[in-house]
Amino acid sequence: MIHLTQQERRVIVFVSMAVFAGLCLDLSLKGYGVKLPFLRILDDPSFYPRVNVNSASLEDLLALPRMSLETARLILDYRREKGRFISMEELRSLLRFSESRWNYVAQKLKVE
């Protein structure tokens, strides 16, 4: 049997709680059904200003929720090769997202 001091037990409990909290946050942000009420603000479109895809940097795009590195690079590579986006439909045809993902992302992007 392992004998732990009171301080060691407290550290183990603290680390366990921190790991559990991080897991809940991660699952909530990925949309696996675990919802934390204070995170609802992250889904509010007005919380994030709309980002212009014709002038956004990689960091600007990655700051948006649910924007992957691959998607951000795809947008920047397209812009570098073919120039500015003319419309949201052009962006939509490039990204090929599902209807629900497109509706979410379209609220956070703009073409100017």
N, C-alpha and C. Protein backbone atom coordinates (compact mmCIF):
# COMPACT_ATOMS: atom_id res chain seq x y z
N MET A 1 0.84 -1.17 0.00
CA MET A 1 0.00 0.00 0.00
C MET A 1 0.89 1.24 0.00
N ILE A 2 0.48 2.24 -0.78
CA ILE A 2 1.25 3.47 -0.89
C ILE A 2 0.74 4.45 0.17
N HIS A 3 1.65 5.02 0.89
CA HIS A 3 1.28 6.01 1.90
C HIS A 3 1.63 7.39 1.36
N LEU A 4 0.63 8.25 1.29
CA LEU A 4 0.83 9.60 0.79
C LEU A 4 0.61 10.60 1.91
N THR A 5 1.36 11.66 1.84
CA THR A 5 1.14 12.72 2.82
C THR A 5 -0.12 13.48 2.42
N GLN A 6 -0.59 14.31 3.32
CA GLN A 6 -1.79 15.08 3.05
C GLN A 6 -1.55 16.04 1.87
N GLN A 7 -0.38 16.62 1.80
CA GLN A 7 -0.06 17.54 0.72
C GLN A 7 -0.05 16.80 -0.63
N GLU A 8 0.49 15.60 -0.66
CA GLU A 8 0.52 14.82 -1.90
C GLU A 8 -0.90 14.46 -2.34
N ARG A 9 -1.76 14.12 -1.39
CA ARG A 9 -3.15 13.82 -1.73
C ARG A 9 -3.85 15.05 -2.30
N ARG A 10 -3.59 16.22 -1.73
CA ARG A 10 -4.19 17.46 -2.23
C ARG A 10 -3.74 17.75 -3.66
N VAL A 11 -2.46 17.52 -3.93
CA VAL A 11 -1.94 17.74 -5.28
C VAL A 11 -2.62 16.79 -6.27
N ILE A 12 -2.78 15.55 -5.90
CA ILE A 12 -3.44 14.57 -6.78
C ILE A 12 -4.88 14.97 -7.04
N VAL A 13 -5.60 15.40 -6.03
CA VAL A 13 -6.98 15.84 -6.20
C VAL A 13 -7.04 17.08 -7.10
N PHE A 14 -6.16 18.04 -6.86
CA PHE A 14 -6.14 19.25 -7.67
C PHE A 14 -5.85 18.93 -9.14
N VAL A 15 -4.86 18.11 -9.41
CA VAL A 15 -4.51 17.76 -10.78
C VAL A 15 -5.66 17.00 -11.43
N SER A 16 -6.30 16.10 -10.71
CA SER A 16 -7.45 15.36 -11.25
C SER A 16 -8.58 16.30 -11.63
N MET A 17 -8.85 17.26 -10.76
CA MET A 17 -9.92 18.23 -11.04
C MET A 17 -9.56 19.09 -12.26
N ALA A 18 -8.31 19.49 -12.37
CA ALA A 18 -7.89 20.31 -13.51
C ALA A 18 -8.00 19.53 -14.82
N VAL A 19 -7.63 18.27 -14.81
CA VAL A 19 -7.74 17.43 -16.01
C VAL A 19 -9.21 17.24 -16.38
N PHE A 20 -10.06 16.99 -15.41
CA PHE A 20 -11.49 16.82 -15.67
C PHE A 20 -12.09 18.10 -16.24
N ALA A 21 -11.76 19.24 -15.66
CA ALA A 21 -12.28 20.52 -16.15
C ALA A 21 -11.81 20.77 -17.59
N GLY A 22 -10.56 20.49 -17.87
CA GLY A 22 -10.04 20.66 -19.23
C GLY A 22 -10.73 19.75 -20.22
N LEU A 23 -11.01 18.53 -19.82
CA LEU A 23 -11.71 17.58 -20.68
C LEU A 23 -13.12 18.08 -20.98
N CYS A 24 -13.83 18.55 -19.97
CA CYS A 24 -15.18 19.07 -20.17
C CYS A 24 -15.16 20.27 -21.11
N LEU A 25 -14.21 21.15 -20.94
CA LEU A 25 -14.09 22.32 -21.80
C LEU A 25 -13.79 21.90 -23.23
N ASP A 26 -12.88 20.97 -23.40
CA ASP A 26 -12.52 20.49 -24.73
C ASP A 26 -13.72 19.85 -25.42
N LEU A 27 -14.43 18.99 -24.72
CA LEU A 27 -15.60 18.34 -25.31
C LEU A 27 -16.69 19.35 -25.64
N SER A 28 -16.84 20.34 -24.80
CA SER A 28 -17.86 21.36 -25.04
C SER A 28 -17.54 22.17 -26.28
N LEU A 29 -16.29 22.54 -26.44
CA LEU A 29 -15.90 23.34 -27.60
C LEU A 29 -15.98 22.53 -28.89
N LYS A 30 -15.79 21.23 -28.80
CA LYS A 30 -15.87 20.39 -29.99
C LYS A 30 -17.30 19.99 -30.31
N GLY A 31 -18.23 20.31 -29.43
CA GLY A 31 -19.63 20.06 -29.71
C GLY A 31 -20.07 18.63 -29.50
N TYR A 32 -19.50 17.93 -28.51
CA TYR A 32 -19.89 16.55 -28.26
C TYR A 32 -21.03 16.41 -27.26
N GLY A 33 -21.83 17.43 -27.13
CA GLY A 33 -22.99 17.32 -26.27
C GLY A 33 -22.79 17.78 -24.85
N VAL A 34 -21.56 17.92 -24.41
CA VAL A 34 -21.32 18.42 -23.06
C VAL A 34 -21.34 19.93 -23.17
N LYS A 35 -22.34 20.57 -22.60
CA LYS A 35 -22.48 22.02 -22.72
C LYS A 35 -22.29 22.68 -21.37
N LEU A 36 -21.41 23.63 -21.34
CA LEU A 36 -21.20 24.43 -20.15
C LEU A 36 -21.86 25.77 -20.39
N PRO A 37 -22.76 26.21 -19.49
CA PRO A 37 -23.56 27.40 -19.75
C PRO A 37 -22.75 28.66 -20.07
N PHE A 38 -21.61 28.83 -19.42
CA PHE A 38 -20.85 30.05 -19.65
C PHE A 38 -20.19 30.07 -21.02
N LEU A 39 -20.21 28.95 -21.75
CA LEU A 39 -19.60 28.90 -23.07
C LEU A 39 -20.59 29.26 -24.18
N ARG A 40 -21.87 29.46 -23.83
CA ARG A 40 -22.85 29.80 -24.86
C ARG A 40 -22.49 31.09 -25.59
N ILE A 41 -21.78 31.97 -24.93
CA ILE A 41 -21.39 33.23 -25.56
C ILE A 41 -20.47 32.99 -26.76
N LEU A 42 -19.74 31.87 -26.75
CA LEU A 42 -18.85 31.57 -27.87
C LEU A 42 -19.61 31.26 -29.15
N ASP A 43 -20.86 30.82 -29.03
CA ASP A 43 -21.67 30.53 -30.21
C ASP A 43 -22.47 31.73 -30.68
N ASP A 44 -22.42 32.82 -29.96
CA ASP A 44 -23.14 34.03 -30.33
C ASP A 44 -22.37 34.74 -31.44
N PRO A 45 -22.98 34.88 -32.63
CA PRO A 45 -22.26 35.51 -33.75
C PRO A 45 -21.80 36.93 -33.46
N SER A 46 -22.50 37.64 -32.62
CA SER A 46 -22.11 39.02 -32.33
C SER A 46 -20.89 39.10 -31.42
N PHE A 47 -20.49 37.97 -30.83
CA PHE A 47 -19.32 37.96 -29.94
C PHE A 47 -18.04 38.18 -30.73
N TYR A 48 -18.02 37.72 -31.96
CA TYR A 48 -16.84 37.85 -32.81
C TYR A 48 -17.16 38.82 -33.95
N PRO A 49 -16.29 39.78 -34.21
CA PRO A 49 -16.51 40.63 -35.39
C PRO A 49 -16.30 39.78 -36.64
N ARG A 50 -17.02 40.08 -37.69
CA ARG A 50 -16.86 39.33 -38.93
C ARG A 50 -15.48 39.63 -39.53
N VAL A 51 -14.85 38.59 -40.01
CA VAL A 51 -13.50 38.70 -40.56
C VAL A 51 -13.59 38.72 -42.09
N ASN A 52 -12.95 39.71 -42.69
CA ASN A 52 -12.90 39.81 -44.14
C ASN A 52 -11.86 38.82 -44.66
N VAL A 53 -12.30 37.85 -45.45
CA VAL A 53 -11.38 36.81 -45.93
C VAL A 53 -10.38 37.35 -46.94
N ASN A 54 -10.64 38.51 -47.52
CA ASN A 54 -9.71 39.09 -48.48
C ASN A 54 -8.55 39.83 -47.84
N SER A 55 -8.65 40.12 -46.56
CA SER A 55 -7.55 40.83 -45.90
C SER A 55 -7.07 40.14 -44.62
N ALA A 56 -7.69 39.04 -44.26
CA ALA A 56 -7.37 38.36 -43.00
C ALA A 56 -6.02 37.65 -43.08
N SER A 57 -5.32 37.69 -41.96
CA SER A 57 -4.07 36.93 -41.84
C SER A 57 -4.39 35.53 -41.31
N LEU A 58 -3.40 34.69 -41.26
CA LEU A 58 -3.58 33.36 -40.71
C LEU A 58 -4.06 33.45 -39.26
N GLU A 59 -3.47 34.35 -38.50
CA GLU A 59 -3.85 34.51 -37.09
C GLU A 59 -5.29 34.99 -36.95
N ASP A 60 -5.72 35.89 -37.85
CA ASP A 60 -7.10 36.38 -37.80
C ASP A 60 -8.08 35.23 -38.03
N LEU A 61 -7.78 34.39 -38.99
CA LEU A 61 -8.67 33.27 -39.29
C LEU A 61 -8.67 32.24 -38.17
N LEU A 62 -7.50 31.95 -37.62
CA LEU A 62 -7.42 30.95 -36.56
C LEU A 62 -8.05 31.42 -35.26
N ALA A 63 -8.23 32.73 -35.11
CA ALA A 63 -8.89 33.25 -33.91
C ALA A 63 -10.38 32.96 -33.90
N LEU A 64 -10.92 32.60 -35.04
CA LEU A 64 -12.35 32.28 -35.11
C LEU A 64 -12.61 30.88 -34.56
N PRO A 65 -13.74 30.71 -33.89
CA PRO A 65 -14.05 29.38 -33.37
C PRO A 65 -14.30 28.39 -34.51
N ARG A 66 -13.86 27.17 -34.30
CA ARG A 66 -14.04 26.06 -35.24
C ARG A 66 -13.36 26.28 -36.59
N MET A 67 -12.35 27.14 -36.61
CA MET A 67 -11.57 27.34 -37.83
C MET A 67 -10.28 26.54 -37.69
N SER A 68 -10.12 25.56 -38.55
CA SER A 68 -8.93 24.71 -38.47
C SER A 68 -7.77 25.35 -39.23
N LEU A 69 -6.59 24.89 -38.93
CA LEU A 69 -5.40 25.37 -39.61
C LEU A 69 -5.47 25.06 -41.10
N GLU A 70 -5.98 23.87 -41.45
CA GLU A 70 -6.08 23.47 -42.85
C GLU A 70 -7.02 24.40 -43.62
N THR A 71 -8.16 24.74 -43.01
CA THR A 71 -9.13 25.62 -43.67
C THR A 71 -8.55 27.02 -43.85
N ALA A 72 -7.89 27.52 -42.82
CA ALA A 72 -7.29 28.85 -42.91
C ALA A 72 -6.23 28.88 -44.01
N ARG A 73 -5.42 27.85 -44.07
CA ARG A 73 -4.38 27.80 -45.12
C ARG A 73 -5.00 27.67 -46.51
N LEU A 74 -6.09 26.93 -46.62
CA LEU A 74 -6.78 26.78 -47.90
C LEU A 74 -7.26 28.15 -48.39
N ILE A 75 -7.83 28.93 -47.49
CA ILE A 75 -8.30 30.28 -47.85
C ILE A 75 -7.13 31.16 -48.30
N LEU A 76 -6.05 31.14 -47.53
CA LEU A 76 -4.90 31.98 -47.87
C LEU A 76 -4.22 31.53 -49.16
N ASP A 77 -4.11 30.22 -49.37
CA ASP A 77 -3.50 29.71 -50.60
C ASP A 77 -4.33 30.10 -51.83
N TYR A 78 -5.65 29.98 -51.70
CA TYR A 78 -6.54 30.36 -52.80
C TYR A 78 -6.37 31.84 -53.12
N ARG A 79 -6.34 32.65 -52.07
CA ARG A 79 -6.20 34.11 -52.25
C ARG A 79 -4.86 34.45 -52.91
N ARG A 80 -3.82 33.75 -52.53
CA ARG A 80 -2.49 33.99 -53.10
C ARG A 80 -2.45 33.59 -54.58
N GLU A 81 -3.09 32.48 -54.92
CA GLU A 81 -3.03 31.97 -56.29
C GLU A 81 -4.01 32.67 -57.23
N LYS A 82 -5.23 32.95 -56.75
CA LYS A 82 -6.27 33.45 -57.65
C LYS A 82 -6.73 34.86 -57.36
N GLY A 83 -6.24 35.44 -56.29
CA GLY A 83 -6.65 36.81 -55.97
C GLY A 83 -7.82 36.84 -54.99
N ARG A 84 -8.47 37.98 -54.96
CA ARG A 84 -9.54 38.21 -53.98
C ARG A 84 -10.77 37.35 -54.26
N PHE A 85 -11.49 37.05 -53.18
CA PHE A 85 -12.79 36.39 -53.31
C PHE A 85 -13.79 37.43 -53.78
N ILE A 86 -14.67 37.03 -54.67
CA ILE A 86 -15.68 37.94 -55.20
C ILE A 86 -16.97 37.86 -54.37
N SER A 87 -17.29 36.65 -53.91
CA SER A 87 -18.55 36.48 -53.18
C SER A 87 -18.40 35.37 -52.14
N MET A 88 -19.39 35.31 -51.26
CA MET A 88 -19.43 34.24 -50.27
C MET A 88 -19.64 32.89 -50.95
N GLU A 89 -20.33 32.87 -52.06
CA GLU A 89 -20.56 31.62 -52.79
C GLU A 89 -19.25 31.05 -53.32
N GLU A 90 -18.36 31.92 -53.75
CA GLU A 90 -17.04 31.47 -54.20
C GLU A 90 -16.28 30.82 -53.04
N LEU A 91 -16.36 31.44 -51.89
CA LEU A 91 -15.73 30.87 -50.69
C LEU A 91 -16.38 29.55 -50.32
N ARG A 92 -17.70 29.51 -50.41
CA ARG A 92 -18.43 28.28 -50.06
C ARG A 92 -18.03 27.13 -50.98
N SER A 93 -17.88 27.41 -52.27
CA SER A 93 -17.50 26.33 -53.19
C SER A 93 -16.08 25.84 -52.93
N LEU A 94 -15.22 26.72 -52.44
CA LEU A 94 -13.86 26.33 -52.10
C LEU A 94 -13.84 25.43 -50.87
N LEU A 95 -14.58 25.81 -49.84
CA LEU A 95 -14.51 25.10 -48.56
C LEU A 95 -15.26 23.78 -48.55
N ARG A 96 -16.35 23.69 -49.29
CA ARG A 96 -17.14 22.44 -49.38
C ARG A 96 -17.56 21.92 -48.02
N PHE A 97 -18.06 22.81 -47.18
CA PHE A 97 -18.55 22.43 -45.86
C PHE A 97 -19.96 21.88 -45.97
N SER A 98 -20.36 21.14 -44.95
CA SER A 98 -21.75 20.72 -44.86
C SER A 98 -22.61 21.97 -44.66
N GLU A 99 -23.89 21.82 -44.88
CA GLU A 99 -24.81 22.96 -44.74
C GLU A 99 -24.75 23.58 -43.35
N SER A 100 -24.75 22.76 -42.31
CA SER A 100 -24.74 23.29 -40.94
C SER A 100 -23.42 23.98 -40.61
N ARG A 101 -22.31 23.38 -41.03
CA ARG A 101 -21.02 24.02 -40.75
C ARG A 101 -20.88 25.32 -41.53
N TRP A 102 -21.35 25.32 -42.79
CA TRP A 102 -21.28 26.54 -43.58
C TRP A 102 -22.10 27.66 -42.93
N ASN A 103 -23.30 27.33 -42.47
CA ASN A 103 -24.15 28.35 -41.83
C ASN A 103 -23.46 28.94 -40.61
N TYR A 104 -22.74 28.12 -39.87
CA TYR A 104 -22.02 28.61 -38.69
C TYR A 104 -20.86 29.50 -39.10
N VAL A 105 -20.05 29.03 -40.05
CA VAL A 105 -18.86 29.76 -40.47
C VAL A 105 -19.23 31.05 -41.20
N ALA A 106 -20.28 31.02 -42.00
CA ALA A 106 -20.68 32.19 -42.79
C ALA A 106 -21.05 33.37 -41.90
N GLN A 107 -21.47 33.11 -40.69
CA GLN A 107 -21.81 34.19 -39.76
C GLN A 107 -20.57 34.94 -39.27
N LYS A 108 -19.42 34.34 -39.43
CA LYS A 108 -18.19 34.92 -38.89
C LYS A 108 -17.25 35.45 -39.96
N LEU A 109 -17.60 35.24 -41.22
CA LEU A 109 -16.77 35.69 -42.32
C LEU A 109 -17.53 36.66 -43.21
N LYS A 110 -16.77 37.47 -43.94
CA LYS A 110 -17.38 38.36 -44.93
C LYS A 110 -16.41 38.53 -46.09
N VAL A 111 -16.94 38.92 -47.23
CA VAL A 111 -16.14 39.18 -48.42
C VAL A 111 -16.34 40.65 -48.79
N GLU A 112 -15.26 41.41 -48.72
CA GLU A 112 -15.31 42.84 -49.08
C GLU A 112 -14.25 43.15 -50.10
